[in-house]
Protein backbone atom coordinates (compact mmCIF):
# COMPACT_ATOMS: atom_id res chain seq x y z
CA MET A 1 234.37 187.87 159.18
CA VAL A 2 233.53 184.38 160.44
CA VAL A 3 233.27 185.63 164.02
CA PHE A 4 230.73 188.25 162.95
CA CYS A 5 228.32 185.51 161.79
CA PHE A 6 228.10 184.11 165.31
CA LEU A 7 227.41 187.48 166.92
CA VAL A 8 224.24 188.22 164.90
CA ASP A 9 221.11 186.07 165.18
CA GLN A 10 217.42 186.28 164.39
CA THR A 11 214.62 184.85 166.52
CA LYS A 12 211.00 184.26 165.55
CA GLN A 13 208.32 184.11 168.22
CA VAL A 14 204.61 183.31 167.88
CA ARG A 15 202.64 185.87 169.88
CA GLY A 16 199.15 184.47 169.29
CA SER A 17 197.25 182.21 166.93
CA LYS A 18 193.73 181.43 165.75
CA PRO A 19 192.46 178.38 163.84
CA ALA A 20 192.13 178.79 160.07
CA ALA A 21 190.39 176.83 157.35
CA GLY A 22 192.58 174.52 155.30
CA THR A 23 195.20 171.84 155.69
CA CYS A 24 198.96 171.63 155.39
CA SER A 25 200.23 170.58 151.97
CA ARG A 26 203.19 168.74 153.55
CA CYS A 27 201.66 166.62 156.32
CA GLY A 28 197.88 167.11 156.07
CA GLY A 29 197.59 168.74 159.52
CA GLY A 30 195.40 171.72 160.38
CA ALA A 31 196.36 175.32 159.73
CA SER A 32 196.28 178.39 161.96
CA VAL A 33 196.86 182.12 161.53
CA ALA A 34 199.63 183.35 163.82
CA ASP A 35 200.99 186.76 164.78
CA MET A 36 204.78 186.50 164.47
CA LYS A 37 207.44 188.74 166.01
CA THR A 38 210.93 188.65 164.49
CA ALA A 39 213.85 190.16 166.39
CA THR A 40 217.36 190.69 165.04
CA ARG A 41 220.01 190.76 167.76
CA PHE A 42 223.68 191.72 167.84
CA CYS A 43 225.59 190.32 170.84
CA TYR A 44 222.21 189.45 172.45
CA VAL A 45 221.07 193.10 172.22
CA PRO A 46 217.86 193.51 170.16
CA LEU A 47 218.36 195.98 167.30
CA TYR A 48 215.29 195.50 165.08
CA TRP A 49 211.74 194.15 165.54
CA LYS A 50 209.22 193.24 162.88
CA SER A 51 205.66 192.00 163.33
CA SER A 52 203.88 189.97 160.68
CA LYS A 53 201.13 187.40 160.17
CA ALA A 54 201.69 183.89 158.89
CA ILE A 55 199.67 180.76 158.22
CA ILE A 56 201.42 177.87 159.94
CA CYS A 57 200.74 174.15 160.30
CA THR A 58 199.62 173.12 163.79
CA PHE A 59 201.21 169.67 163.47
CA CYS A 60 204.62 170.10 161.78
CA GLY A 61 205.11 173.89 162.29
CA ALA A 62 205.83 174.68 158.65
CA VAL A 63 205.16 178.25 157.52
CA LEU A 64 202.67 177.89 154.66
CA LYS A 65 202.18 181.60 153.84
CA SER A 66 203.73 184.76 155.29
CA TYR A 67 202.25 188.26 155.24
CA SER A 68 204.34 191.34 156.07
């Protein structure tokens, strides 16, 4: 069962972003709206993709809000 944990991973990739109004509550940096693509892979073979939007900090990279 421990070996199975190392064979499955999930990657998140920012496809595009636009500036948004507001600041980060953690560091005070600017915010942007980003199109995110999440891929779940098994043995480096992609099995599942999901696209979503998220508000992220441009300075520290924290995800402030996520929309499915």
